[in-house]
Protein backbone atom coordinates (compact mmCIF):
# COMPACT_ATOMS: atom_id res chain seq x y z
CA MET A 1 4.30 -15.66 -21.61
CA THR A 2 5.95 -13.21 -23.91
CA SER A 3 8.81 -14.47 -26.16
CA GLU A 4 10.55 -10.94 -26.32
CA LYS A 5 13.81 -10.20 -25.29
CA PHE A 6 14.40 -7.46 -22.33
CA SER A 7 16.80 -4.85 -22.36
CA ASN A 8 19.44 -7.08 -20.46
CA GLY A 9 19.51 -9.72 -22.91
CA MET A 10 17.39 -12.11 -20.84
CA ASP A 11 14.11 -13.74 -22.63
CA ALA A 12 10.96 -14.33 -20.78
CA SER A 13 11.76 -17.46 -19.17
CA GLU A 14 15.14 -16.01 -17.73
CA MET A 15 13.26 -12.94 -16.58
CA LYS A 16 10.72 -14.64 -14.58
CA LEU A 17 13.20 -17.05 -13.05
CA HIS A 18 15.34 -13.90 -12.15
CA LEU A 19 12.46 -12.29 -10.52
CA ASP A 20 11.33 -15.66 -8.68
CA THR A 21 14.27 -15.30 -7.30
CA LEU A 22 14.62 -11.91 -6.00
CA ALA A 23 11.44 -11.90 -4.72
CA GLY A 24 12.02 -15.40 -2.52
CA ARG A 25 15.41 -13.06 -1.40
CA TYR A 26 13.63 -10.34 -0.17
CA ASN A 27 10.00 -11.87 1.02
CA ASN A 28 10.96 -13.23 4.27
CA ARG A 29 10.68 -12.24 7.64
CA SER A 30 13.77 -10.44 8.06
CA PHE A 31 12.03 -8.18 5.50
CA ILE A 32 10.00 -7.10 8.47
CA ALA A 33 12.26 -5.20 11.01
CA SER A 34 13.03 -2.28 8.97
CA ASP A 35 10.36 -1.86 6.77
CA PRO A 36 6.95 -0.07 7.68
CA VAL A 37 4.80 -3.43 7.70
CA SER A 38 6.75 -4.12 10.74
CA ILE A 39 4.08 -1.74 12.07
CA PRO A 40 0.72 -3.58 11.98
CA HIS A 41 2.86 -6.80 13.00
CA SER A 42 3.01 -5.39 16.47
CA PHE A 43 -0.82 -6.04 16.33
CA THR A 44 -3.04 -9.19 16.79
CA ASP A 45 -6.34 -8.16 16.49
CA ASN A 46 -7.30 -7.65 12.19
CA SER A 47 -8.95 -4.35 13.03
CA ASP A 48 -5.97 -2.92 14.42
CA ILE A 49 -4.13 -4.61 11.71
CA GLU A 50 -6.19 -3.03 9.05
CA ALA A 51 -6.36 0.64 10.86
CA SER A 52 -2.47 0.75 11.77
CA ALA A 53 -1.79 -0.23 8.50
CA PHE A 54 -3.39 2.04 6.40
CA LEU A 55 -2.41 5.04 9.01
CA THR A 56 1.37 3.56 8.63
CA ALA A 57 1.08 3.33 4.95
CA THR A 58 -0.35 6.95 4.84
CA ILE A 59 2.50 8.62 5.93
CA ALA A 60 5.01 5.89 4.08
CA TRP A 61 7.26 8.27 2.45
CA GLY A 62 10.93 9.30 3.20
CA ARG A 63 13.77 7.66 5.24
CA ARG A 64 11.85 4.34 6.53
CA ASP A 65 13.45 4.94 9.95
CA LEU A 66 11.51 7.80 10.13
CA ILE A 67 8.48 6.48 8.90
CA LEU A 68 8.73 3.86 11.58
CA ARG A 69 9.39 6.38 14.41
CA SER A 70 6.28 8.76 13.31
CA ALA A 71 4.29 5.44 12.83
CA VAL A 72 5.08 4.32 16.29
CA ASN A 73 4.50 8.23 17.63
CA LEU A 74 0.86 8.50 16.18
CA LEU A 75 -0.12 5.12 17.17
CA ASN A 76 0.90 5.61 21.27
CA MET A 77 -1.02 9.12 20.70
CA MET A 78 -3.80 6.72 20.02
CA GLY A 79 -3.06 4.36 23.18
CA ASN A 80 -1.96 1.55 20.75
CA GLU A 81 -5.58 0.71 20.22
CA PRO A 82 -6.03 2.49 16.74
CA TYR A 83 -9.30 0.80 15.90
CA LYS A 84 -10.82 1.65 19.39
CA PHE A 85 -9.59 5.02 19.30
CA ILE A 86 -11.18 5.56 15.70
CA THR A 87 -14.55 4.46 16.70
CA GLY A 88 -14.53 5.62 20.14
CA ALA A 89 -12.71 8.35 20.71
CA SER A 90 -14.19 11.93 21.74
CA GLU A 91 -13.66 14.80 19.63
CA LYS A 92 -11.70 16.04 22.66
CA GLU A 93 -9.49 13.19 22.24
CA ILE A 94 -9.16 13.64 18.56
CA GLY A 95 -8.05 16.63 18.77
CA ASN A 96 -5.04 16.01 21.01
CA LEU A 97 -3.37 14.37 17.84
CA SER A 98 -3.00 18.12 16.55
CA PRO A 99 0.67 17.92 17.67
CA PHE A 100 1.78 15.33 15.37
CA VAL A 101 3.55 15.71 12.27
CA HIS A 102 5.17 13.64 9.42
CA ARG A 103 7.19 15.78 6.76
CA THR A 104 3.69 17.62 5.21
CA PHE A 105 1.14 15.47 7.27
CA ASN A 106 0.33 17.28 10.02
CA GLY A 107 -1.98 17.72 12.81
CA HIS A 108 -4.73 18.69 10.92
CA ASP A 109 -4.52 15.78 8.81
CA ALA A 110 -4.04 13.57 11.43
CA VAL A 111 -7.64 14.82 12.84
CA SER A 112 -9.39 14.94 9.65
CA PHE A 113 -7.89 11.25 8.93
CA MET A 114 -9.57 10.27 12.37
CA GLN A 115 -13.06 11.78 11.21
CA CYS A 116 -13.04 10.21 7.79
CA LEU A 117 -11.95 6.79 9.13
CA ARG A 118 -14.47 6.86 11.79
CA HIS A 119 -17.53 7.76 9.26
CA LEU A 120 -16.14 5.01 6.91
CA TYR A 121 -16.12 2.42 9.77
CA SER A 122 -19.62 3.48 11.03
CA GLU A 123 -21.23 3.23 7.86
CA PHE A 124 -19.37 -0.01 6.28
CA GLY A 125 -17.30 -1.92 9.47
CA SER A 126 -14.13 -2.02 7.34
CA MET A 127 -11.96 -0.69 4.31
CA GLU A 128 -12.46 -4.08 2.89
CA GLU A 129 -15.94 -3.89 2.42
CA VAL A 130 -15.44 -0.59 0.95
CA ILE A 131 -12.94 -1.80 -1.65
CA SER A 132 -15.12 -5.08 -2.33
CA ASP A 133 -17.98 -3.05 -2.94
CA GLY A 134 -16.16 -1.08 -5.32
CA LEU A 135 -15.36 -4.22 -7.18
CA ARG A 136 -18.79 -5.28 -7.69
CA GLY A 137 -20.26 -5.50 -10.81
CA GLY A 138 -16.76 -6.47 -12.47
CA GLY A 139 -14.85 -3.10 -11.26
CA THR A 140 -11.39 -3.01 -11.08
CA MET A 141 -8.88 -2.31 -8.53
CA ARG A 142 -8.69 1.29 -10.01
CA GLU A 143 -12.23 1.92 -9.58
CA ALA A 144 -12.21 0.19 -6.19
CA ILE A 145 -9.51 2.58 -5.00
CA THR A 146 -11.51 5.59 -6.36
CA HIS A 147 -14.35 4.40 -5.02
CA LEU A 148 -12.58 4.13 -1.47
CA HIS A 149 -11.28 7.88 -1.92
CA LYS A 150 -14.78 9.00 -2.42
CA ILE A 151 -16.27 7.34 0.41
CA PHE A 152 -13.06 8.60 2.85
CA PHE A 153 -13.79 12.20 2.03
CA THR A 154 -17.44 12.43 2.31
CA VAL A 155 -17.40 14.20 5.77
CA PRO A 156 -16.12 17.64 5.97
CA HIS A 157 -12.24 17.80 5.91
CA GLU A 158 -9.54 20.23 5.17
CA SER A 159 -8.67 20.35 1.57
CA ARG A 160 -4.95 19.87 2.09
CA THR A 161 -5.80 16.52 3.72
CA GLU A 162 -7.07 15.06 0.11
CA ARG A 163 -3.15 15.23 -1.06
CA HIS A 164 -2.60 12.37 1.70
CA LEU A 165 -4.46 9.60 -0.04
CA SER A 166 -3.89 9.30 -3.70
CA ASP A 167 -7.07 10.18 -6.34
CA VAL A 168 -5.81 7.22 -8.98
CA SER A 169 -8.77 8.34 -11.47
CA LYS A 170 -6.37 11.74 -11.87
CA GLY A 171 -3.44 9.45 -12.61
CA SER A 172 -1.61 9.18 -9.51
CA ALA A 173 0.17 6.00 -8.96
CA GLY A 174 -1.40 5.01 -5.58
CA LYS A 175 1.83 3.58 -4.51
CA LYS A 176 0.91 3.77 -0.57
CA MET A 177 -2.52 2.59 -1.17
CA ASN A 178 -1.12 -0.12 -3.47
CA MET A 179 1.16 -1.28 -0.91
CA PHE A 180 -1.50 -1.07 1.95
CA LEU A 181 -3.65 -3.35 -0.21
CA ARG A 182 -0.98 -5.65 -0.91
CA TRP A 183 -0.30 -5.81 2.90
CA MET A 184 -4.19 -6.81 3.44
CA VAL A 185 -4.89 -8.95 0.64
CA ARG A 186 -1.79 -11.14 -0.27
CA LYS A 187 -1.53 -14.33 1.19
CA ASP A 188 1.54 -16.82 1.28
CA ASP A 189 3.54 -18.93 3.89
CA LYS A 190 6.33 -16.39 4.06
CA GLY A 191 4.92 -14.11 6.84
CA VAL A 192 5.44 -10.76 5.41
CA ASP A 193 1.94 -9.60 4.04
CA PHE A 194 -1.01 -10.56 6.02
CA GLY A 195 -3.97 -12.18 4.00
CA ILE A 196 -6.40 -11.21 6.42
CA TRP A 197 -9.05 -9.92 3.54
CA LYS A 198 -10.90 -12.43 2.00
CA LYS A 199 -13.11 -10.63 -0.32
CA VAL A 200 -11.07 -9.31 -2.36
CA ASP A 201 -8.57 -11.66 -4.87
CA GLN A 202 -4.74 -10.81 -4.71
CA SER A 203 -4.54 -11.38 -8.56
CA LEU A 204 -6.19 -8.09 -8.79
CA LEU A 205 -3.62 -6.40 -7.05
CA PHE A 206 -1.46 -3.32 -8.63
CA ILE A 207 1.95 -2.99 -8.47
CA PRO A 208 3.05 -0.31 -5.34
CA LEU A 209 5.43 1.96 -7.88
CA ASP A 210 7.66 3.71 -5.97
CA LEU A 211 10.94 5.53 -6.98
CA HIS A 212 12.85 2.14 -6.44
CA ALA A 213 10.89 -0.26 -7.90
CA GLY A 214 10.19 1.97 -10.85
CA ASN A 215 13.96 2.36 -11.48
CA THR A 216 14.77 -1.33 -11.08
CA ALA A 217 12.04 -1.98 -13.42
CA ARG A 218 13.19 0.51 -16.18
CA ARG A 219 16.75 -1.06 -16.12
CA LEU A 220 15.34 -4.34 -16.29
CA GLY A 221 13.51 -3.39 -19.29
CA LEU A 222 10.10 -4.40 -17.88
CA LEU A 223 8.98 -0.85 -17.72
CA THR A 224 9.04 1.97 -20.96
CA ARG A 225 6.83 4.71 -19.26
CA ARG A 226 9.34 7.20 -17.61
CA GLN A 227 6.81 8.96 -15.29
CA ASN A 228 6.04 6.83 -11.96
CA ASP A 229 2.04 7.47 -12.67
CA TRP A 230 -0.67 4.92 -12.75
CA LYS A 231 -0.15 4.41 -16.62
CA ALA A 232 3.35 3.05 -15.52
CA VAL A 233 1.32 0.91 -12.60
CA GLU A 234 -0.59 -0.55 -15.47
CA GLU A 235 1.77 -1.12 -17.93
CA LEU A 236 4.56 -2.65 -15.25
CA THR A 237 1.72 -4.98 -13.34
CA ALA A 238 0.36 -5.99 -16.92
CA LEU A 239 3.71 -7.61 -17.68
CA LEU A 240 4.12 -8.99 -14.16
CA ARG A 241 0.97 -10.56 -14.49
CA LYS A 242 2.10 -12.66 -17.32
CA PHE A 243 4.81 -14.32 -15.15
CA ASP A 244 2.57 -14.67 -12.40
CA PRO A 245 -1.56 -14.35 -13.26
CA ALA A 246 -2.47 -15.30 -9.99
CA ASP A 247 0.07 -13.05 -7.71
CA PRO A 248 1.74 -10.36 -9.75
CA VAL A 249 2.54 -7.97 -6.85
CA LYS A 250 4.89 -10.61 -4.96
CA TYR A 251 7.30 -8.89 -7.76
CA ASP A 252 7.28 -5.77 -5.57
CA PHE A 253 9.37 -8.01 -3.03
CA ALA A 254 12.09 -8.40 -5.93
CA LEU A 255 11.57 -4.50 -7.54
CA PHE A 256 12.11 -2.76 -4.37
CA GLY A 257 14.39 -4.94 -2.76
CA ALA A 258 16.70 -4.86 -5.74
CA GLY A 259 16.13 -1.28 -5.77
CA VAL A 260 16.72 -0.48 -2.59
CA ASN A 261 20.01 -3.06 -2.23
CA GLY A 262 21.78 -2.80 -5.67
CA ASP A 263 20.73 -6.44 -6.36
CA MET A 264 20.12 -6.39 -9.91
C-alpha cells in the first residue's frame, strides 16, 4: 500500500480505515429504500433482476425519487415481467412504450432499447455472457463495456438513443454501466448488491463515478483529475484497488454516501 499522505493529512492506513468505516456505514439494507437498486430488489428471478437493473441504471440520473418513479412506471408498462416482455412482446406491445419519458430518455428510446435488448438476449442469452465474452483473452472491463455497446447497437435504432448507453471507448465515465455492473457482479453479505453474475470477477470492476463520488474523492485527495471522465475513473479505481484489490468498488458506498450526506 502506498505510503503517501493525502490532502486531508491522512496516511494510507488512516485513509483505508476511514473509507472502510464509511463503506460499512452505507453498504447495508437501509441504503436500498431510496436508491435505484431498490427496483431490481423487487424481483426474484435472475433474468428479471438483470433486465430491470439495466433499465433502471439506464435512467438513473437526476433526483432519486424521480428515477424510482420513472422506473416503476416503465416496468408497469412491461407488465412487471421485464425479461418476458423483452423476449416475447409483439412489436405492437413494444410500441405501447412510446408514451414513456424520463428526462431526455423518451418513448422512442424505450422502444429502441427493447429491440436492442431482444436481439442481445436472442444471440447471447444474458448480458453477463456479453461482458464475459468481452473479457476473454485478458480483456479489460473497459473493453468488455465497449464490446457490450457494440453488440447492443447492432440492430437498427435511432441515433439519438446511443447517448443513453455511454461509449467508454470515447472517454465517457460510464457511470450508469459501472453501477449496473456493481449490482450484478459484486457479492458480499450486506444484501445491497446481487452478485448473480458468476463469470465476472469483482476485482475487475470500475468505480461508478458521479458528481457526488467525484467531489468527495477530490476533497479527500483521492482524485486529482478535474473532469468526471474515463481517465478519472481509471485514476480513482487504481488507487482504491490499493486499499482492497479484491473489491475496489465497495468504496462506491463510502464516496457516494459521504457525498450525499456530507459525511466526510
